[in-house]
């Protein structure tokens, strides 16, 4: 199934300056599975700690699933559905 993944707030620099990806992932995949795919196939390995902490999105990164905060959807346990849109936005900015 296809899901759309977006990066904003500077996070795109961790993914070869790609602001948007459309990924084909297995039915029944959860956000935690998506994070593994992003880490293993798309992320700049030298900067992984800027996106993940202990395998989960680090504090300071807002995650929206179809425009709703992932905390309302079950965080990394949310089961992705076809055509879901997952947005990762850094809330940490320089002054």
N, C-alpha and C. Protein backbone atom coordinates (compact mmCIF):
# COMPACT_ATOMS: atom_id res chain seq x y z
N UNK A 1 0.85 -1.18 0.00
CA UNK A 1 0.00 0.00 0.00
C UNK A 1 0.89 1.24 0.00
N UNK A 2 0.39 2.30 -0.55
CA UNK A 2 1.17 3.52 -0.65
C UNK A 2 0.81 4.49 0.47
N UNK A 3 1.85 5.09 1.07
CA UNK A 3 1.67 6.16 2.04
C UNK A 3 2.60 7.31 1.64
N UNK A 4 2.15 8.50 1.96
CA UNK A 4 2.93 9.69 1.66
C UNK A 4 3.62 10.15 2.94
N UNK A 5 4.91 10.47 2.84
CA UNK A 5 5.69 10.93 3.99
C UNK A 5 6.28 12.29 3.63
N UNK A 6 6.13 13.26 4.54
CA UNK A 6 6.65 14.60 4.31
C UNK A 6 7.59 15.00 5.44
N UNK A 7 8.59 15.83 5.10
CA UNK A 7 9.56 16.33 6.07
C UNK A 7 9.62 17.85 5.96
N UNK A 8 9.52 18.55 7.10
CA UNK A 8 9.62 20.01 7.10
C UNK A 8 10.47 20.46 8.28
N UNK A 9 10.71 21.76 8.33
CA UNK A 9 11.45 22.35 9.45
C UNK A 9 12.91 21.97 9.47
N UNK A 10 13.46 21.61 8.32
CA UNK A 10 14.87 21.23 8.24
C UNK A 10 15.11 19.74 8.24
N UNK A 11 14.10 18.94 8.55
CA UNK A 11 14.28 17.49 8.58
C UNK A 11 14.58 16.91 7.20
N UNK A 12 14.16 17.61 6.15
CA UNK A 12 14.43 17.12 4.80
C UNK A 12 15.93 16.96 4.56
N UNK A 13 16.75 17.73 5.27
CA UNK A 13 18.21 17.62 5.10
C UNK A 13 18.74 16.27 5.57
N UNK A 14 17.98 15.56 6.40
CA UNK A 14 18.38 14.23 6.85
C UNK A 14 18.01 13.15 5.84
N UNK A 15 17.24 13.54 4.83
CA UNK A 15 16.73 12.59 3.83
C UNK A 15 17.07 13.07 2.41
N UNK A 16 18.35 13.41 2.20
CA UNK A 16 18.82 13.86 0.88
C UNK A 16 18.01 15.01 0.33
N UNK A 17 17.61 15.93 1.20
CA UNK A 17 16.83 17.11 0.82
C UNK A 17 15.51 16.78 0.13
N UNK A 18 14.98 15.61 0.41
CA UNK A 18 13.66 15.24 -0.11
C UNK A 18 12.60 15.71 0.87
N UNK A 19 11.69 16.52 0.39
CA UNK A 19 10.62 17.02 1.25
C UNK A 19 9.44 16.06 1.29
N UNK A 20 9.37 15.17 0.31
CA UNK A 20 8.23 14.27 0.22
C UNK A 20 8.65 12.93 -0.39
N UNK A 21 8.13 11.86 0.17
CA UNK A 21 8.34 10.51 -0.35
C UNK A 21 6.98 9.81 -0.45
N UNK A 22 6.80 9.02 -1.47
CA UNK A 22 5.66 8.12 -1.54
C UNK A 22 6.21 6.71 -1.45
N UNK A 23 5.86 6.02 -0.37
CA UNK A 23 6.43 4.70 -0.11
C UNK A 23 5.38 3.61 -0.28
N UNK A 24 5.82 2.49 -0.78
CA UNK A 24 4.97 1.31 -0.90
C UNK A 24 5.37 0.37 0.23
N UNK A 25 4.51 0.25 1.23
CA UNK A 25 4.84 -0.57 2.40
C UNK A 25 3.77 -1.66 2.57
N UNK A 26 4.11 -2.66 3.35
CA UNK A 26 3.22 -3.81 3.54
C UNK A 26 1.95 -3.42 4.29
N UNK A 27 0.85 -4.03 3.90
CA UNK A 27 -0.42 -3.86 4.62
C UNK A 27 -0.20 -4.29 6.07
N UNK A 28 -0.81 -3.58 6.99
CA UNK A 28 -0.67 -3.90 8.41
C UNK A 28 0.55 -3.27 9.06
N UNK A 29 1.34 -2.52 8.30
CA UNK A 29 2.52 -1.86 8.86
C UNK A 29 2.09 -0.76 9.83
N UNK A 30 2.91 -0.59 10.84
CA UNK A 30 2.68 0.46 11.83
C UNK A 30 3.69 1.58 11.60
N UNK A 31 3.49 2.68 12.31
CA UNK A 31 4.44 3.78 12.22
C UNK A 31 5.84 3.30 12.59
N UNK A 32 5.95 2.41 13.57
CA UNK A 32 7.26 1.88 13.96
C UNK A 32 7.94 1.18 12.78
N UNK A 33 7.16 0.49 11.95
CA UNK A 33 7.72 -0.15 10.75
C UNK A 33 8.16 0.90 9.74
N UNK A 34 7.37 1.95 9.60
CA UNK A 34 7.73 3.04 8.70
C UNK A 34 9.04 3.69 9.14
N UNK A 35 9.21 3.88 10.44
CA UNK A 35 10.45 4.47 10.96
C UNK A 35 11.66 3.61 10.59
N UNK A 36 11.51 2.30 10.66
CA UNK A 36 12.61 1.40 10.27
C UNK A 36 12.94 1.53 8.79
N UNK A 37 11.92 1.61 7.95
CA UNK A 37 12.14 1.78 6.51
C UNK A 37 12.86 3.10 6.25
N UNK A 38 12.40 4.17 6.90
CA UNK A 38 13.05 5.47 6.71
C UNK A 38 14.50 5.42 7.16
N UNK A 39 14.75 4.82 8.31
CA UNK A 39 16.11 4.72 8.85
C UNK A 39 17.01 3.89 7.94
N UNK A 40 16.54 2.74 7.51
CA UNK A 40 17.39 1.81 6.76
C UNK A 40 17.55 2.15 5.29
N UNK A 41 16.58 2.83 4.70
CA UNK A 41 16.62 3.04 3.25
C UNK A 41 16.76 4.49 2.80
N UNK A 42 16.43 5.45 3.66
CA UNK A 42 16.38 6.83 3.19
C UNK A 42 17.21 7.82 4.00
N UNK A 43 17.48 7.53 5.25
CA UNK A 43 18.11 8.49 6.14
C UNK A 43 19.62 8.55 6.00
N UNK A 44 20.16 9.74 6.18
CA UNK A 44 21.60 9.95 6.25
C UNK A 44 22.08 9.26 7.53
N UNK A 45 22.82 8.18 7.38
CA UNK A 45 23.22 7.34 8.53
C UNK A 45 24.04 8.10 9.57
N UNK A 46 24.79 9.11 9.14
CA UNK A 46 25.64 9.86 10.06
C UNK A 46 24.84 10.83 10.93
N UNK A 47 23.56 11.01 10.61
CA UNK A 47 22.76 12.01 11.34
C UNK A 47 21.49 11.40 11.93
N UNK A 48 21.49 10.10 12.06
CA UNK A 48 20.31 9.39 12.56
C UNK A 48 19.83 9.92 13.90
N UNK A 49 20.76 10.29 14.79
CA UNK A 49 20.40 10.73 16.13
C UNK A 49 19.61 12.04 16.13
N UNK A 50 19.61 12.75 15.01
CA UNK A 50 18.83 13.98 14.91
C UNK A 50 17.35 13.71 14.63
N UNK A 51 17.04 12.46 14.27
CA UNK A 51 15.66 12.08 13.96
C UNK A 51 15.11 11.05 14.93
N UNK A 52 15.94 10.08 15.30
CA UNK A 52 15.49 8.98 16.16
C UNK A 52 16.27 8.94 17.46
N UNK A 53 15.57 8.55 18.52
CA UNK A 53 16.18 8.31 19.82
C UNK A 53 15.61 7.00 20.33
N UNK A 54 16.47 6.00 20.48
CA UNK A 54 16.03 4.66 20.90
C UNK A 54 14.97 4.09 19.95
N UNK A 55 15.13 4.37 18.66
CA UNK A 55 14.24 3.81 17.65
C UNK A 55 12.91 4.53 17.48
N UNK A 56 12.69 5.57 18.27
CA UNK A 56 11.45 6.34 18.21
C UNK A 56 11.80 7.78 17.83
N UNK A 57 10.85 8.48 17.23
CA UNK A 57 11.08 9.88 16.86
C UNK A 57 11.47 10.66 18.11
N UNK A 58 12.55 11.41 18.00
CA UNK A 58 13.07 12.12 19.16
C UNK A 58 12.18 13.30 19.55
N UNK A 59 12.26 13.73 20.81
CA UNK A 59 11.50 14.91 21.24
C UNK A 59 11.88 16.12 20.37
N UNK A 60 10.91 16.98 20.13
CA UNK A 60 11.15 18.15 19.29
C UNK A 60 10.73 17.95 17.85
N UNK A 61 10.25 16.74 17.53
CA UNK A 61 9.74 16.46 16.19
C UNK A 61 8.25 16.16 16.31
N UNK A 62 7.46 16.99 15.65
CA UNK A 62 6.02 16.81 15.62
C UNK A 62 5.68 15.81 14.53
N UNK A 63 4.84 14.85 14.85
CA UNK A 63 4.40 13.85 13.86
C UNK A 63 2.89 13.99 13.70
N UNK A 64 2.47 14.23 12.47
CA UNK A 64 1.05 14.32 12.16
C UNK A 64 0.67 13.19 11.21
N UNK A 65 -0.41 12.53 11.52
CA UNK A 65 -0.96 11.48 10.67
C UNK A 65 -2.29 12.01 10.14
N UNK A 66 -2.34 12.27 8.85
CA UNK A 66 -3.54 12.85 8.24
C UNK A 66 -3.98 14.10 8.99
N UNK A 67 -3.00 14.96 9.30
CA UNK A 67 -3.20 16.26 9.97
C UNK A 67 -3.60 16.15 11.44
N UNK A 68 -3.53 14.98 12.04
CA UNK A 68 -3.82 14.81 13.47
C UNK A 68 -2.55 14.40 14.20
N UNK A 69 -2.36 14.94 15.40
CA UNK A 69 -1.18 14.61 16.20
C UNK A 69 -1.13 13.10 16.43
N UNK A 70 0.04 12.52 16.22
CA UNK A 70 0.16 11.06 16.34
C UNK A 70 -0.13 10.58 17.75
N UNK A 71 -0.01 11.46 18.75
CA UNK A 71 -0.33 11.08 20.12
C UNK A 71 -1.81 10.70 20.26
N UNK A 72 -2.65 11.28 19.41
CA UNK A 72 -4.07 10.95 19.42
C UNK A 72 -4.37 9.66 18.66
N UNK A 73 -3.40 9.21 17.88
CA UNK A 73 -3.60 8.05 17.00
C UNK A 73 -2.89 6.78 17.49
N UNK A 74 -2.15 6.88 18.61
CA UNK A 74 -1.46 5.71 19.14
C UNK A 74 0.04 5.72 18.91
N UNK A 75 0.56 6.88 18.48
CA UNK A 75 2.00 7.06 18.24
C UNK A 75 2.56 5.96 17.35
N UNK A 76 3.67 5.34 17.74
CA UNK A 76 4.34 4.37 16.86
C UNK A 76 3.53 3.09 16.64
N UNK A 77 2.46 2.90 17.42
CA UNK A 77 1.62 1.71 17.27
C UNK A 77 0.47 1.90 16.28
N UNK A 78 0.34 3.10 15.72
CA UNK A 78 -0.73 3.36 14.75
C UNK A 78 -0.53 2.49 13.52
N UNK A 79 -1.58 1.78 13.11
CA UNK A 79 -1.51 0.94 11.91
C UNK A 79 -1.84 1.79 10.69
N UNK A 80 -0.88 1.89 9.81
CA UNK A 80 -1.04 2.70 8.61
C UNK A 80 -2.11 2.15 7.69
N UNK A 81 -2.77 3.06 6.99
CA UNK A 81 -3.80 2.70 6.03
C UNK A 81 -3.41 3.25 4.66
N UNK A 82 -3.94 2.66 3.59
CA UNK A 82 -3.61 3.16 2.25
C UNK A 82 -3.88 4.66 2.13
N UNK A 83 -2.95 5.35 1.50
CA UNK A 83 -3.03 6.79 1.23
C UNK A 83 -2.90 7.65 2.47
N UNK A 84 -2.45 7.10 3.60
CA UNK A 84 -2.17 7.93 4.77
C UNK A 84 -1.09 8.95 4.41
N UNK A 85 -1.16 10.09 5.09
CA UNK A 85 -0.15 11.13 4.96
C UNK A 85 0.51 11.30 6.32
N UNK A 86 1.83 11.09 6.39
CA UNK A 86 2.57 11.21 7.64
C UNK A 86 3.55 12.36 7.49
N UNK A 87 3.42 13.37 8.33
CA UNK A 87 4.27 14.55 8.29
C UNK A 87 5.17 14.58 9.51
N UNK A 88 6.46 14.77 9.28
CA UNK A 88 7.44 14.94 10.35
C UNK A 88 7.93 16.39 10.28
N UNK A 89 7.75 17.15 11.36
CA UNK A 89 8.13 18.56 11.37
C UNK A 89 8.98 18.85 12.60
N UNK A 90 10.16 19.42 12.37
CA UNK A 90 11.00 19.81 13.49
C UNK A 90 10.43 21.07 14.13
N UNK A 91 10.32 21.06 15.44
CA UNK A 91 9.86 22.25 16.16
C UNK A 91 11.03 23.01 16.76
N UNK A 92 12.25 22.53 16.52
CA UNK A 92 13.45 23.16 17.05
C UNK A 92 14.09 24.00 15.95
N UNK A 93 14.23 25.29 16.21
CA UNK A 93 14.80 26.20 15.22
C UNK A 93 15.83 27.09 15.88
N UNK A 94 16.80 27.50 15.11
CA UNK A 94 17.81 28.43 15.61
C UNK A 94 17.24 29.84 15.71
N UNK A 95 17.94 30.68 16.45
CA UNK A 95 17.45 32.05 16.65
C UNK A 95 18.11 33.06 15.79
